[in-house]
Amino acid sequence: MAPFLFELRHKDSNSSARRGTLTTPHGVVETPTFMPVGTRGSVKGVEVGLLEETGSQIVLGNTYHLMLRPGAEIVRELGGLHGFTGWKRPMLTDSGGFQLFSLAKLTKINEEGAVFQSHIDGSRFALTPEGSIAIQEALGADVVMAFDHVVALPNSRAVVEDAMRRTVRWAKRCRDAKRREDQALFGIVQGGLDYGMRRYCAEELAELDFQGYAIGGLSVGEEPCEMYDCIEAVEPYLPQDKPRYLMGVGRPEDLLEGIKRGVDMFDCVMPSRNGRNAMAFTDCGPMRLRNARYERDPRPLEENCPCPACRRSRAYIRHLFTTGEMLGPILLTIHNITYYQRLVAGARKAIEEDRYLEFCEERFEGWRAGVPE
């Protein structure tokens, strides 16, 4: 079994962009990387073989959803997430903190943890830092996340600081509760948009010597420029020799802006969710396939894309959506994930060549131009 190892291979000479390699027990991940979200053990509509063909190297699973259905012990009995899902490459599970913030009914947070009602049937559950780690150990992902306290933005300083300090205390409990040697534990930096709080949280977590560090609590209501400034402010206080993960972000432009500021890992539901809603990401910006302009358009979504959707015409993809055929959402989900993987692969190459800022400008120029008639 391979050890968990992060190797920083190159830094772009004109930005904070980094090129690295993350070694896990289930394989190597080239960074920067994008993780498709398989919330309930599945990236919606995409079989694992097709998912691998998109270029995806690592997939995210969700602790909150999997603890509710089918239950962590069932997953453990069936070989962990790798055996249960059939995905043999690396996996990461989040801690459940964000879902308690965004989904659960009547969540009550105290120092011990969270008590909440399931969004499915209203059943009452309790989740503590120790419980989150135990569930993630049962699920068996390569990378697991510390349990954190997430709050909405904007918010009062007192609320943000209380959540940030609790996140630090919970992180220590997660570290102390961890038993499996074949899983890497990442701490999560909180602190809202307050740079001082972010610095304090990052420095406290660095003292706990996690194997990676995430920036959490962003993309929850703030402006993109505020998020970018916050990443830039906290980056100097994250260990240089550990991977950095920006949680729940985001749009293609967010990935490039995050990479520019030293982020190595991303996840977001956007490529799959938007694909299910007839929107394709392209180098010319988003393409909304329900638009009548594509009714007779014989061209592929993109000429240079190897995905199966781009072996069909725009007119055909539009037809699938207007007639309610399930193949439409499947094809566009595959296309969008492939697009994200092509984007980060291009970023990796540009970093190696010390031309990352030029690469960014090329992509932004295409997105600004829009889809040609």
Protein backbone atom coordinates (compact mmCIF):
# COMPACT_ATOMS: atom_id res chain seq x y z
CA MET A 1 0.00 0.00 0.00
CA ALA A 2 1.48 3.34 -1.07
CA PRO A 3 2.03 5.96 1.63
CA PHE A 4 0.31 9.32 1.60
CA LEU A 5 2.77 11.80 0.13
CA PHE A 6 2.56 15.27 -1.40
CA GLU A 7 5.44 16.34 -3.64
CA LEU A 8 5.63 19.96 -4.79
CA ARG A 9 7.23 19.68 -8.20
CA HIS A 10 7.19 23.20 -9.59
CA LYS A 11 5.98 26.72 -8.85
CA ASP A 12 5.02 29.15 -11.57
CA SER A 13 7.56 31.96 -11.74
CA ASN A 14 4.93 34.71 -12.08
CA SER A 15 2.24 33.62 -9.62
CA SER A 16 1.59 31.38 -6.63
CA ALA A 17 0.35 28.54 -8.87
CA ARG A 18 1.81 25.15 -7.91
CA ARG A 19 2.32 21.85 -9.71
CA GLY A 20 2.35 18.82 -7.45
CA THR A 21 1.76 15.09 -7.05
CA LEU A 22 -0.42 13.57 -4.35
CA THR A 23 0.25 9.88 -3.66
CA THR A 24 -2.48 7.89 -1.91
CA PRO A 25 -3.13 4.19 -1.24
CA HIS A 26 -5.40 4.08 -4.32
CA GLY A 27 -3.15 5.92 -6.75
CA VAL A 28 -1.51 9.18 -7.67
CA VAL A 29 -3.32 12.48 -8.18
CA GLU A 30 -1.69 15.17 -10.30
CA THR A 31 -2.35 18.65 -8.92
CA PRO A 32 -3.95 21.11 -9.43
CA THR A 33 -6.93 18.78 -9.60
CA PHE A 34 -10.71 18.97 -9.72
CA MET A 35 -12.81 16.41 -7.81
CA PRO A 36 -16.28 15.56 -9.17
CA VAL A 37 -18.85 15.30 -6.39
CA GLY A 38 -20.33 11.84 -5.83
CA THR A 39 -22.55 12.90 -2.95
CA ARG A 40 -24.28 9.58 -2.29
CA GLY A 41 -21.56 7.36 -3.74
CA SER A 42 -22.35 8.30 -7.33
CA VAL A 43 -21.69 11.21 -9.65
CA LYS A 44 -25.27 11.50 -10.90
CA GLY A 45 -25.82 9.60 -14.15
CA VAL A 46 -22.16 8.71 -14.75
CA GLU A 47 -20.92 5.12 -14.47
CA VAL A 48 -17.45 4.86 -12.94
CA GLY A 49 -15.80 3.69 -16.18
CA LEU A 50 -17.10 6.74 -18.03
CA LEU A 51 -16.11 8.93 -15.09
CA GLU A 52 -12.52 7.72 -15.36
CA GLU A 53 -12.55 8.49 -19.09
CA THR A 54 -13.28 12.15 -18.27
CA GLY A 55 -9.78 12.37 -16.80
CA SER A 56 -11.03 12.45 -13.21
CA GLN A 57 -8.42 11.23 -10.74
CA ILE A 58 -10.18 11.59 -7.40
CA VAL A 59 -13.86 11.72 -6.42
CA LEU A 60 -15.59 13.24 -3.39
CA GLY A 61 -18.18 11.44 -1.25
CA ASN A 62 -20.39 13.02 1.39
CA THR A 63 -20.29 11.88 5.03
CA TYR A 64 -23.67 13.40 5.94
CA HIS A 65 -25.60 11.76 3.10
CA LEU A 66 -23.85 8.39 3.34
CA MET A 67 -24.37 8.16 7.12
CA LEU A 68 -28.11 8.56 6.49
CA ARG A 69 -28.31 6.20 3.52
CA PRO A 70 -27.17 3.43 3.34
CA GLY A 71 -25.24 3.90 6.60
CA ALA A 72 -21.50 3.78 7.24
CA GLU A 73 -21.48 0.22 8.57
CA ILE A 74 -23.16 -1.13 5.44
CA VAL A 75 -20.55 0.61 3.32
CA ARG A 76 -17.78 -0.82 5.52
CA GLU A 77 -19.22 -4.36 5.20
CA LEU A 78 -19.28 -4.03 1.42
CA GLY A 79 -15.63 -3.05 1.07
CA GLY A 80 -15.70 0.66 1.89
CA LEU A 81 -16.55 3.25 -0.73
CA HIS A 82 -14.10 1.76 -3.22
CA GLY A 83 -15.68 -1.69 -3.06
CA PHE A 84 -19.21 -0.34 -2.71
CA THR A 85 -19.07 2.03 -5.69
CA GLY A 86 -16.57 0.30 -7.96
CA TRP A 87 -14.36 3.41 -8.16
CA LYS A 88 -10.81 2.13 -7.64
CA ARG A 89 -8.94 5.42 -7.72
CA PRO A 90 -8.49 7.89 -4.82
CA MET A 91 -11.48 9.24 -2.91
CA LEU A 92 -12.08 12.03 -0.41
CA THR A 93 -14.94 12.36 2.06
CA ASP A 94 -16.01 15.65 3.58
CA SER A 95 -16.87 15.82 7.26
CA GLY A 96 -20.58 16.68 7.11
CA GLY A 97 -20.10 20.18 8.51
CA PHE A 98 -21.27 22.02 5.40
CA GLN A 99 -24.38 19.85 5.02
CA LEU A 100 -25.38 20.53 8.62
CA PHE A 101 -25.16 24.22 7.73
CA SER A 102 -27.02 23.96 4.42
CA LEU A 103 -29.44 21.01 4.53
CA ALA A 104 -30.32 19.64 7.95
CA LYS A 105 -33.44 20.85 9.69
CA LEU A 106 -33.21 22.48 13.12
CA THR A 107 -29.48 21.97 13.58
CA LYS A 108 -28.24 22.90 17.04
CA ILE A 109 -24.51 23.40 17.54
CA ASN A 110 -22.81 23.14 20.91
CA GLU A 111 -19.28 22.38 22.03
CA GLU A 112 -19.87 18.64 21.88
CA GLY A 113 -21.03 18.67 18.26
CA ALA A 114 -24.27 19.02 16.32
CA VAL A 115 -27.75 17.68 16.93
CA PHE A 116 -29.95 17.78 13.86
CA GLN A 117 -32.97 16.41 12.06
CA SER A 118 -32.50 14.53 8.82
CA HIS A 119 -33.61 16.43 5.73
CA ILE A 120 -35.07 13.11 4.51
CA ASP A 121 -37.52 12.11 7.24
CA GLY A 122 -36.90 14.37 10.22
CA SER A 123 -35.15 11.68 12.28
CA ARG A 124 -32.87 13.05 15.00
CA PHE A 125 -29.13 12.47 14.85
CA ALA A 126 -26.06 13.69 16.68
CA LEU A 127 -22.69 14.19 15.02
CA THR A 128 -19.49 14.99 16.90
CA PRO A 129 -15.91 15.42 15.69
CA GLU A 130 -15.14 11.91 16.91
CA GLY A 131 -18.28 10.55 15.25
CA SER A 132 -17.44 12.20 11.94
CA ILE A 133 -13.98 10.60 11.96
CA ALA A 134 -15.42 7.19 12.87
CA ILE A 135 -17.91 7.39 9.98
CA GLN A 136 -15.21 8.47 7.54
CA GLU A 137 -12.96 5.64 8.69
CA ALA A 138 -15.81 3.22 8.02
CA LEU A 139 -16.35 4.74 4.57
CA GLY A 140 -12.66 4.23 3.85
CA ALA A 141 -11.73 7.20 1.65
CA ASP A 142 -8.06 8.05 1.12
CA VAL A 143 -8.52 11.61 2.39
CA VAL A 144 -10.86 12.55 5.24
CA MET A 145 -11.79 15.98 6.55
CA ALA A 146 -11.90 17.40 10.06
CA PHE A 147 -15.36 18.31 11.35
CA ASP A 148 -15.87 22.07 11.13
CA HIS A 149 -18.44 24.71 12.01
CA VAL A 150 -19.70 26.54 8.91
CA VAL A 151 -21.71 29.78 9.05
CA ALA A 152 -23.29 31.93 6.35
CA LEU A 153 -21.69 35.08 4.97
CA PRO A 154 -22.09 37.92 5.59
CA ASN A 155 -22.40 37.46 9.35
CA SER A 156 -21.49 39.23 12.57
CA ARG A 157 -17.89 39.13 13.73
CA ALA A 158 -18.93 37.40 16.94
CA VAL A 159 -20.68 34.56 15.09
CA VAL A 160 -17.78 34.06 12.66
CA GLU A 161 -15.16 34.10 15.42
CA ASP A 162 -17.12 31.67 17.60
CA ALA A 163 -17.40 29.22 14.69
CA MET A 164 -13.72 29.62 13.78
CA ARG A 165 -12.48 28.95 17.31
CA ARG A 166 -14.80 25.97 17.64
CA THR A 167 -13.46 24.64 14.34
CA VAL A 168 -9.92 24.73 15.79
CA ARG A 169 -11.00 22.89 18.96
CA TRP A 170 -12.91 20.32 16.94
CA ALA A 171 -9.93 19.84 14.62
CA LYS A 172 -7.76 18.78 17.56
CA ARG A 173 -10.43 16.30 18.64
CA CYS A 174 -10.56 14.90 15.10
CA ARG A 175 -6.79 14.48 15.03
CA ASP A 176 -6.85 12.70 18.39
CA ALA A 177 -9.74 10.43 17.32
CA LYS A 178 -8.15 9.28 14.04
CA ARG A 179 -7.02 5.63 14.08
CA ARG A 180 -6.47 4.54 10.47
CA GLU A 181 -2.93 5.00 9.16
CA ASP A 182 -4.01 4.62 5.54
CA GLN A 183 -6.09 7.80 5.54
CA ALA A 184 -4.87 11.40 5.39
CA LEU A 185 -6.67 13.95 7.59
CA PHE A 186 -7.04 17.54 6.37
CA GLY A 187 -7.82 20.46 8.67
CA ILE A 188 -10.22 23.18 7.53
CA VAL A 189 -9.45 26.89 7.86
CA GLN A 190 -12.47 28.99 8.81
CA GLY A 191 -12.84 32.67 9.68
CA GLY A 192 -15.22 34.20 7.17
CA LEU A 193 -13.79 37.19 5.29
CA ASP A 194 -11.73 38.38 8.25
CA TYR A 195 -8.07 37.98 7.30
CA GLY A 196 -6.91 38.09 10.92
CA MET A 197 -9.22 35.25 11.88
CA ARG A 198 -8.18 33.25 8.83
CA ARG A 199 -4.52 33.71 9.72
CA TYR A 200 -5.10 32.71 13.35
CA CYS A 201 -7.03 29.60 12.28
CA ALA A 202 -4.40 28.60 9.70
CA GLU A 203 -1.56 29.00 12.19
CA GLU A 204 -3.39 27.04 14.89
CA LEU A 205 -4.17 24.21 12.47
CA ALA A 206 -0.59 24.17 11.18
CA GLU A 207 0.53 23.46 14.75
CA LEU A 208 -1.62 20.32 14.67
CA ASP A 209 0.39 19.05 11.67
CA PHE A 210 -2.39 17.78 9.42
CA GLN A 211 -1.51 16.09 6.13
CA GLY A 212 -3.34 18.75 4.16
CA TYR A 213 -5.27 21.98 4.67
CA ALA A 214 -8.60 23.13 3.28
CA ILE A 215 -10.04 26.61 2.99
CA GLY A 216 -13.68 26.26 3.98
CA GLY A 217 -16.64 28.55 4.52
CA LEU A 218 -16.35 30.37 1.18
CA SER A 219 -18.73 30.47 -1.78
CA VAL A 220 -21.56 30.83 0.75
CA GLY A 221 -22.85 34.25 -0.25
CA GLU A 222 -19.82 36.52 -0.65
CA GLU A 223 -18.74 38.16 -3.90
CA PRO A 224 -16.12 36.28 -5.99
CA CYS A 225 -13.58 39.09 -5.54
CA GLU A 226 -13.98 38.81 -1.75
CA MET A 227 -13.30 35.09 -1.96
CA TYR A 228 -10.19 35.62 -4.10
CA ASP A 229 -8.83 38.24 -1.70
CA CYS A 230 -9.45 35.93 1.23
CA ILE A 231 -7.58 33.04 -0.43
CA GLU A 232 -4.67 35.37 -1.21
CA ALA A 233 -4.58 36.60 2.38
CA VAL A 234 -4.52 33.13 3.97
CA GLU A 235 -2.15 31.41 1.51
CA PRO A 236 1.12 32.58 3.14
CA TYR A 237 0.09 30.93 6.42
CA LEU A 238 -0.66 27.51 4.97
CA PRO A 239 2.25 25.03 5.04
CA GLN A 240 4.06 25.10 1.71
CA ASP A 241 4.74 21.36 1.70
CA LYS A 242 1.12 20.28 2.20
CA PRO A 243 -1.77 20.22 -0.31
CA ARG A 244 -4.32 23.06 -0.21
CA TYR A 245 -7.99 22.40 -0.95
CA LEU A 246 -10.61 25.09 -1.67
CA MET A 247 -13.90 23.48 -0.71
CA GLY A 248 -17.07 23.73 -2.79
CA VAL A 249 -15.65 26.01 -5.51
CA GLY A 250 -16.66 26.53 -8.25
CA ARG A 251 -16.96 28.10 -11.67
CA PRO A 252 -14.17 27.58 -14.23
CA GLU A 253 -12.90 31.10 -13.57
CA ASP A 254 -12.88 30.38 -9.82
CA LEU A 255 -10.61 27.39 -10.40
CA LEU A 256 -8.12 29.47 -12.36
CA GLU A 257 -8.18 32.29 -9.81
CA GLY A 258 -7.73 29.78 -6.98
CA ILE A 259 -4.82 28.04 -8.72
CA LYS A 260 -3.19 31.43 -9.31
CA ARG A 261 -3.30 31.93 -5.53
CA GLY A 262 -1.74 28.58 -4.64
CA VAL A 263 -4.71 26.19 -4.37
CA ASP A 264 -4.14 22.54 -5.36
CA MET A 265 -7.55 20.86 -5.05
CA PHE A 266 -11.15 21.82 -5.83
CA ASP A 267 -14.61 20.26 -5.80
CA CYS A 268 -18.00 21.52 -6.89
CA VAL A 269 -21.38 20.17 -8.03
CA MET A 270 -21.55 22.81 -10.76
CA PRO A 271 -20.38 20.73 -13.76
CA SER A 272 -22.85 17.93 -13.02
CA ARG A 273 -25.74 20.10 -11.79
CA ASN A 274 -25.47 22.51 -14.71
CA GLY A 275 -25.15 19.59 -17.11
CA ARG A 276 -28.44 18.19 -15.85
CA ASN A 277 -29.95 21.61 -16.61
CA ALA A 278 -28.81 21.78 -20.26
CA MET A 279 -25.78 24.03 -19.74
CA ALA A 280 -22.41 23.08 -21.24
CA PHE A 281 -19.09 24.66 -20.26
CA THR A 282 -16.84 25.51 -23.20
CA ASP A 283 -13.75 27.61 -23.99
CA CYS A 284 -16.19 30.21 -25.36
CA GLY A 285 -18.21 30.35 -22.18
CA PRO A 286 -21.43 28.58 -21.15
CA MET A 287 -23.69 27.16 -23.83
CA ARG A 288 -27.40 26.85 -22.95
CA LEU A 289 -28.64 24.03 -25.12
CA ARG A 290 -32.37 24.73 -24.70
CA ASN A 291 -31.85 27.90 -26.74
CA ALA A 292 -33.61 27.77 -30.12
CA ARG A 293 -30.42 28.90 -31.87
CA TYR A 294 -29.13 25.32 -31.57
CA GLU A 295 -32.19 23.62 -33.08
CA ARG A 296 -30.47 23.02 -36.44
CA ASP A 297 -26.84 23.44 -35.35
CA PRO A 298 -24.79 20.48 -36.71
CA ARG A 299 -21.59 21.40 -34.88
CA PRO A 300 -20.29 19.60 -31.76
CA LEU A 301 -20.20 21.44 -28.46
CA GLU A 302 -16.44 21.81 -28.92
CA GLU A 303 -14.26 20.61 -31.77
CA ASN A 304 -11.31 19.62 -29.58
CA CYS A 305 -13.20 17.81 -26.80
CA PRO A 306 -12.88 13.99 -26.70
CA CYS A 307 -16.06 13.35 -24.70
CA PRO A 308 -19.01 11.35 -26.14
CA ALA A 309 -21.29 14.41 -26.11
CA CYS A 310 -18.95 16.12 -28.58
CA ARG A 311 -19.39 13.23 -30.99
CA ARG A 312 -23.00 14.38 -31.40
CA SER A 313 -24.40 17.64 -32.72
CA ARG A 314 -25.65 20.56 -30.68
CA ALA A 315 -29.02 20.02 -32.35
CA TYR A 316 -29.15 16.42 -31.09
CA ILE A 317 -28.20 17.38 -27.53
CA ARG A 318 -30.91 20.06 -27.59
CA HIS A 319 -33.42 17.51 -28.90
CA LEU A 320 -32.65 15.21 -25.95
CA PHE A 321 -33.48 17.96 -23.49
CA THR A 322 -36.59 19.26 -25.23
CA THR A 323 -38.02 15.72 -25.37
CA GLY A 324 -37.06 14.83 -21.81
CA GLU A 325 -34.66 12.03 -22.77
CA MET A 326 -32.40 11.06 -19.87
CA LEU A 327 -29.40 10.77 -22.19
CA GLY A 328 -29.20 14.56 -22.45
CA PRO A 329 -28.28 15.20 -18.80
CA ILE A 330 -25.90 12.23 -18.84
CA LEU A 331 -24.03 13.44 -21.91
CA LEU A 332 -23.74 17.04 -20.71
CA THR A 333 -22.60 15.93 -17.25
CA ILE A 334 -19.83 13.89 -18.87
CA HIS A 335 -18.93 16.81 -21.13
CA ASN A 336 -18.77 19.31 -18.27
CA ILE A 337 -16.62 17.09 -16.05
CA THR A 338 -14.35 16.43 -19.03
CA TYR A 339 -14.14 20.20 -19.59
CA TYR A 340 -13.09 20.81 -15.97
CA GLN A 341 -10.46 18.07 -16.22
CA ARG A 342 -9.12 19.53 -19.48
CA LEU A 343 -8.99 22.93 -17.79
CA VAL A 344 -6.91 21.77 -14.82
CA ALA A 345 -4.71 19.63 -17.11
CA GLY A 346 -4.01 22.76 -19.15
CA ALA A 347 -3.24 24.64 -15.94
CA ARG A 348 -0.76 21.95 -14.88
CA LYS A 349 1.06 22.15 -18.21
CA ALA A 350 1.13 25.95 -18.13
CA ILE A 351 2.59 25.96 -14.61
CA GLU A 352 5.33 23.58 -15.70
CA GLU A 353 6.16 25.97 -18.55
CA ASP A 354 6.03 29.12 -16.35
CA ARG A 355 3.25 30.55 -18.49
CA TYR A 356 0.29 30.21 -16.12
CA LEU A 357 -0.81 33.86 -16.28
CA GLU A 358 -0.74 33.70 -20.08
CA PHE A 359 -2.85 30.54 -19.94
CA CYS A 360 -5.37 32.30 -17.69
CA GLU A 361 -5.65 35.27 -20.01
CA GLU A 362 -6.25 32.96 -22.99
CA ARG A 363 -9.08 31.22 -21.14
CA PHE A 364 -10.65 34.44 -19.85
CA GLU A 365 -10.48 36.02 -23.29
CA GLY A 366 -12.38 33.06 -24.76
CA TRP A 367 -15.02 33.16 -22.04
CA ARG A 368 -15.48 36.92 -22.51
CA ALA A 369 -15.92 36.49 -26.27
CA GLY A 370 -18.84 34.11 -25.84
CA VAL A 371 -20.16 31.35 -28.09
CA PRO A 372 -19.96 32.43 -31.74
CA GLU A 373 -23.05 32.26 -33.94
